[in-house]
C-alpha atoms as a PDB file:
ATOM      1  CA  MET A   1     -69.165 -35.283 -85.815  1.00  0.00           C
ATOM      2  CA  GLU A   2     -69.508 -31.918 -83.989  1.00  0.00           C
ATOM      3  CA  HIS A   3     -70.304 -33.636 -80.576  1.00  0.00           C
ATOM      4  CA  SER A   4     -67.453 -36.228 -80.628  1.00  0.00           C
ATOM      5  CA  PHE A   5     -64.900 -33.390 -80.732  1.00  0.00           C
ATOM      6  CA  ILE A   6     -66.474 -31.697 -77.928  1.00  0.00           C
ATOM      7  CA  GLU A   7     -66.689 -35.181 -76.147  1.00  0.00           C
ATOM      8  CA  PHE A   8     -62.916 -36.124 -76.894  1.00  0.00           C
ATOM      9  CA  ARG A   9     -61.892 -33.118 -75.617  1.00  0.00           C
ATOM     10  CA  VAL A  10     -63.794 -33.486 -72.190  1.00  0.00           C
ATOM     11  CA  ASP A  11     -62.363 -36.901 -71.897  1.00  0.00           C
ATOM     12  CA  ALA A  12     -58.565 -35.315 -72.942  1.00  0.00           C
ATOM     13  CA  ALA A  13     -58.951 -33.203 -70.185  1.00  0.00           C
ATOM     14  CA  SER A  14     -60.190 -35.498 -67.326  1.00  0.00           C
ATOM     15  CA  ILE A  15     -57.407 -37.959 -68.336  1.00  0.00           C
ATOM     16  CA  SER A  16     -55.391 -35.227 -68.274  1.00  0.00           C
ATOM     17  CA  ARG A  17     -56.325 -33.553 -64.771  1.00  0.00           C
ATOM     18  CA  ASP A  18     -56.368 -37.363 -63.612  1.00  0.00           C
ATOM     19  CA  LYS A  19     -52.783 -38.071 -64.313  1.00  0.00           C
ATOM     20  CA  ILE A  20     -51.960 -34.607 -62.707  1.00  0.00           C
ATOM     21  CA  LEU A  21     -53.984 -35.930 -59.845  1.00  0.00           C
ATOM     22  CA  ILE A  22     -52.490 -39.314 -59.397  1.00  0.00           C
ATOM     23  CA  GLN A  23     -48.821 -37.913 -59.552  1.00  0.00           C
ATOM     24  CA  ASN A  24     -49.917 -35.165 -56.713  1.00  0.00           C
ATOM     25  CA  ASP A  25     -51.302 -38.374 -54.743  1.00  0.00           C
ATOM     26  CA  GLN A  26     -47.807 -40.163 -55.626  1.00  0.00           C
ATOM     27  CA  GLU A  27     -45.272 -36.893 -54.631  1.00  0.00           C
ATOM     28  CA  CYS A  28     -47.439 -36.934 -50.885  1.00  0.00           C
ATOM     29  CA  LEU A  29     -46.957 -40.130 -50.599  1.00  0.00           C
ATOM     30  CA  ASP A  30     -43.297 -40.177 -51.120  1.00  0.00           C
ATOM     31  CA  MET A  31     -43.035 -36.753 -49.134  1.00  0.00           C
ATOM     32  CA  TYR A  32     -44.810 -39.385 -46.472  1.00  0.00           C
ATOM     33  CA  LYS A  33     -42.641 -41.723 -47.195  1.00  0.00           C
ATOM     34  CA  ARG A  34     -39.022 -40.263 -46.816  1.00  0.00           C
ATOM     35  CA  LYS A  35     -40.729 -37.796 -43.803  1.00  0.00           C
ATOM     36  CA  ILE A  36     -41.682 -41.402 -41.959  1.00  0.00           C
ATOM     37  CA  ASP A  37     -37.868 -42.771 -42.593  1.00  0.00           C
ATOM     38  CA  GLN A  38     -36.562 -39.232 -41.486  1.00  0.00           C
ATOM     39  CA  ALA A  39     -38.346 -39.319 -38.324  1.00  0.00           C
ATOM     40  CA  THR A  40     -36.982 -42.773 -37.354  1.00  0.00           C
ATOM     41  CA  LYS A  41     -33.609 -42.187 -38.241  1.00  0.00           C
ATOM     42  CA  SER A  42     -33.972 -38.864 -35.429  1.00  0.00           C
ATOM     43  CA  ARG A  43     -36.156 -41.613 -33.267  1.00  0.00           C
ATOM     44  CA  SER A  44     -32.552 -43.763 -33.909  1.00  0.00           C
ATOM     45  CA  HIS A  45     -30.429 -41.371 -32.731  1.00  0.00           C
ATOM     46  CA  PHE A  46     -31.811 -39.429 -30.389  1.00  0.00           C
ATOM     47  CA  LEU A  47     -32.121 -43.308 -28.219  1.00  0.00           C
ATOM     48  CA  LEU A  48     -28.273 -43.684 -28.610  1.00  0.00           C
ATOM     49  CA  ALA A  49     -27.535 -40.235 -27.393  1.00  0.00           C
ATOM     50  CA  LEU A  50     -29.930 -41.192 -24.654  1.00  0.00           C
ATOM     51  CA  THR A  51     -28.216 -44.300 -23.524  1.00  0.00           C
ATOM     52  CA  ASP A  52     -24.865 -42.376 -24.587  1.00  0.00           C
ATOM     53  CA  ALA A  53     -26.001 -40.124 -21.341  1.00  0.00           C
ATOM     54  CA  LYS A  54     -27.173 -42.563 -19.512  1.00  0.00           C
ATOM     55  CA  LEU A  55     -24.175 -44.111 -19.372  1.00  0.00           C
ATOM     56  CA  GLU A  56     -21.819 -40.715 -18.833  1.00  0.00           C
ATOM     57  CA  LEU A  57     -24.228 -40.014 -16.111  1.00  0.00           C
ATOM     58  CA  ALA A  58     -24.137 -43.508 -14.526  1.00  0.00           C
ATOM     59  CA  THR A  59     -20.245 -43.194 -14.529  1.00  0.00           C
ATOM     60  CA  LEU A  60     -20.432 -39.449 -13.206  1.00  0.00           C
ATOM     61  CA  LEU A  61     -22.936 -40.542 -10.125  1.00  0.00           C
ATOM     62  CA  ALA A  62     -20.835 -43.865  -9.245  1.00  0.00           C
ATOM     63  CA  SER A  63     -16.760 -41.223  -9.526  1.00  0.00           C
ATOM     64  CA  LEU A  64     -18.998 -39.004  -6.847  1.00  0.00           C
ATOM     65  CA  GLY A  65     -20.055 -42.100  -4.570  1.00  0.00           C
ATOM     66  CA  GLU A  66     -16.947 -42.742  -4.520  1.00  0.00           C
ATOM     67  CA  LYS A  67     -15.512 -39.254  -3.821  1.00  0.00           C
ATOM     68  CA  LEU A  68     -18.101 -38.763  -0.868  1.00  0.00           C
ATOM     69  CA  ASN A  69     -17.272 -42.029   0.441  1.00  0.00           C
ATOM     70  CA  LEU A  70     -14.320 -40.875   0.929  1.00  0.00           C
ATOM     71  CA  LEU A  71     -14.566 -38.410   2.054  1.00  0.00           C
ATOM     72  CA  VAL A  72     -17.172 -39.549   5.226  1.00  0.00           C
ATOM     73  CA  ALA A  73     -14.268 -41.779   5.517  1.00  0.00           C
ATOM     74  CA  PHE A  74     -11.736 -39.012   6.125  1.00  0.00           C
ATOM     75  CA  LEU A  75     -13.737 -37.142   8.300  1.00  0.00           C
ATOM     76  CA  ARG A  76     -15.250 -39.770  10.446  1.00  0.00           C
ATOM     77  CA  ARG A  77     -11.583 -40.280  10.901  1.00  0.00           C
ATOM     78  CA  LEU A  78     -10.952 -36.613  12.302  1.00  0.00           C
END
């Protein structure tokens, strides 16, 4: 009888430990998924900002090009 009680306590401890390990694994997996989602959102925001910056640069270069063309035309008249 005493032997069965000891086995039960060991089995209960193993089950409890296994539950804790499974819970810990699930928490790690959930955290990993949150980090992946966060990285995906950050990448999307970065790519959008990069696209906006490229558009702004193209606009500035076009404006600068027009001004340079006007300056060159003015200087040629001199």
